[in-house]
Amino acid sequence: MKKTYKIEVDCANCAEKMQVAAKNTPGVKDAVVSFMTLKMKVEFEEGADPAEVMPKVREACRKVEDDCEVYL
């Protein structure tokens, strides 16, 4: 399953770090973060519940940039 989320991030470098953090989150098969469109596209692993995975993705991204936001 793939979903797109609106994000708030300050720079392209931080967006890249957020992408890596999201990809390394359990339950995420792939993630693409676009600084230009301020969107995060997430592909979830088979059987993963986005409602359970995305708070973990948000937490991982905030470790990279504490004032970033992922709108769930």
C-alpha atoms as a PDB file:
ATOM      1  CA  MET A   1       0.000   0.000   0.000  1.00  0.00           C
ATOM      2  CA  LYS A   2       1.221   3.497  -0.843  1.00  0.00           C
ATOM      3  CA  LYS A   3       0.146   6.752   0.782  1.00  0.00           C
ATOM      4  CA  THR A   4       1.163  10.385   0.410  1.00  0.00           C
ATOM      5  CA  TYR A   5       1.511  12.736   3.382  1.00  0.00           C
ATOM      6  CA  LYS A   6       1.975  16.482   3.580  1.00  0.00           C
ATOM      7  CA  ILE A   7       5.159  17.476   5.391  1.00  0.00           C
ATOM      8  CA  GLU A   8       6.817  20.605   6.672  1.00  0.00           C
ATOM      9  CA  VAL A   9      10.593  20.722   6.364  1.00  0.00           C
ATOM     10  CA  ASP A  10      13.063  23.629   6.182  1.00  0.00           C
ATOM     11  CA  CYS A  11      15.642  22.489   3.609  1.00  0.00           C
ATOM     12  CA  ALA A  12      16.427  19.881   0.972  1.00  0.00           C
ATOM     13  CA  ASN A  13      19.234  18.406   3.067  1.00  0.00           C
ATOM     14  CA  CYS A  14      16.858  17.796   5.971  1.00  0.00           C
ATOM     15  CA  ALA A  15      14.308  16.305   3.572  1.00  0.00           C
ATOM     16  CA  GLU A  16      16.949  13.805   2.433  1.00  0.00           C
ATOM     17  CA  LYS A  17      17.722  12.883   6.041  1.00  0.00           C
ATOM     18  CA  MET A  18      13.989  12.481   6.733  1.00  0.00           C
ATOM     19  CA  GLN A  19      13.734  10.159   3.729  1.00  0.00           C
ATOM     20  CA  VAL A  20      16.509   7.938   5.089  1.00  0.00           C
ATOM     21  CA  ALA A  21      14.904   7.931   8.552  1.00  0.00           C
ATOM     22  CA  ALA A  22      11.524   6.984   7.090  1.00  0.00           C
ATOM     23  CA  LYS A  23      13.017   4.178   4.973  1.00  0.00           C
ATOM     24  CA  ASN A  24      14.698   2.719   8.079  1.00  0.00           C
ATOM     25  CA  THR A  25      11.438   2.605  10.049  1.00  0.00           C
ATOM     26  CA  PRO A  26       9.998  -0.898  10.570  1.00  0.00           C
ATOM     27  CA  GLY A  27       6.929  -1.411   8.395  1.00  0.00           C
ATOM     28  CA  VAL A  28       8.137   0.941   5.640  1.00  0.00           C
ATOM     29  CA  LYS A  29       9.144  -0.687   2.351  1.00  0.00           C
ATOM     30  CA  ASP A  30      10.127   2.580   0.640  1.00  0.00           C
ATOM     31  CA  ALA A  31       9.802   6.326   1.169  1.00  0.00           C
ATOM     32  CA  VAL A  32      10.393   9.376  -0.999  1.00  0.00           C
ATOM     33  CA  VAL A  33      10.500  12.877   0.479  1.00  0.00           C
ATOM     34  CA  SER A  34      10.190  15.878  -1.837  1.00  0.00           C
ATOM     35  CA  PHE A  35      11.304  19.231  -0.494  1.00  0.00           C
ATOM     36  CA  MET A  36       9.906  20.970  -3.599  1.00  0.00           C
ATOM     37  CA  THR A  37       6.345  19.672  -3.138  1.00  0.00           C
ATOM     38  CA  LEU A  38       6.548  19.209   0.665  1.00  0.00           C
ATOM     39  CA  LYS A  39       5.227  15.672   0.367  1.00  0.00           C
ATOM     40  CA  MET A  40       6.301  12.276   1.619  1.00  0.00           C
ATOM     41  CA  LYS A  41       5.273   9.192  -0.340  1.00  0.00           C
ATOM     42  CA  VAL A  42       5.422   6.033   1.735  1.00  0.00           C
ATOM     43  CA  GLU A  43       5.098   2.444   0.549  1.00  0.00           C
ATOM     44  CA  PHE A  44       4.262   0.117   3.425  1.00  0.00           C
ATOM     45  CA  GLU A  45       5.360  -3.483   3.829  1.00  0.00           C
ATOM     46  CA  GLU A  46       2.744  -6.164   3.290  1.00  0.00           C
ATOM     47  CA  GLY A  47       0.467  -6.393   6.318  1.00  0.00           C
ATOM     48  CA  ALA A  48       1.760  -3.177   7.928  1.00  0.00           C
ATOM     49  CA  ASP A  49      -0.886  -0.819   9.324  1.00  0.00           C
ATOM     50  CA  PRO A  50      -0.175   2.791   8.260  1.00  0.00           C
ATOM     51  CA  ALA A  51      -1.939   4.068  11.396  1.00  0.00           C
ATOM     52  CA  GLU A  52       0.638   2.232  13.537  1.00  0.00           C
ATOM     53  CA  VAL A  53       3.691   2.833  11.347  1.00  0.00           C
ATOM     54  CA  MET A  54       3.359   6.558  10.610  1.00  0.00           C
ATOM     55  CA  PRO A  55       3.708   7.779  14.217  1.00  0.00           C
ATOM     56  CA  LYS A  56       7.038   5.889  14.284  1.00  0.00           C
ATOM     57  CA  VAL A  57       8.025   7.535  10.990  1.00  0.00           C
ATOM     58  CA  ARG A  58       7.176  10.958  12.452  1.00  0.00           C
ATOM     59  CA  GLU A  59       9.260  10.203  15.549  1.00  0.00           C
ATOM     60  CA  ALA A  60      12.225   9.098  13.400  1.00  0.00           C
ATOM     61  CA  CYS A  61      11.966  12.245  11.285  1.00  0.00           C
ATOM     62  CA  ARG A  62      11.867  14.470  14.370  1.00  0.00           C
ATOM     63  CA  LYS A  63      15.157  12.967  15.498  1.00  0.00           C
ATOM     64  CA  VAL A  64      16.609  14.349  12.259  1.00  0.00           C
ATOM     65  CA  GLU A  65      14.909  17.736  12.432  1.00  0.00           C
ATOM     66  CA  ASP A  66      13.023  18.443  15.648  1.00  0.00           C
ATOM     67  CA  ASP A  67      10.721  21.071  14.131  1.00  0.00           C
ATOM     68  CA  CYS A  68       9.659  19.044  11.079  1.00  0.00           C
ATOM     69  CA  GLU A  69       6.053  17.913  10.742  1.00  0.00           C
ATOM     70  CA  VAL A  70       4.426  14.966   9.023  1.00  0.00           C
ATOM     71  CA  TYR A  71       0.677  15.509   8.777  1.00  0.00           C
ATOM     72  CA  LEU A  72      -1.082  12.182   9.343  1.00  0.00           C
END
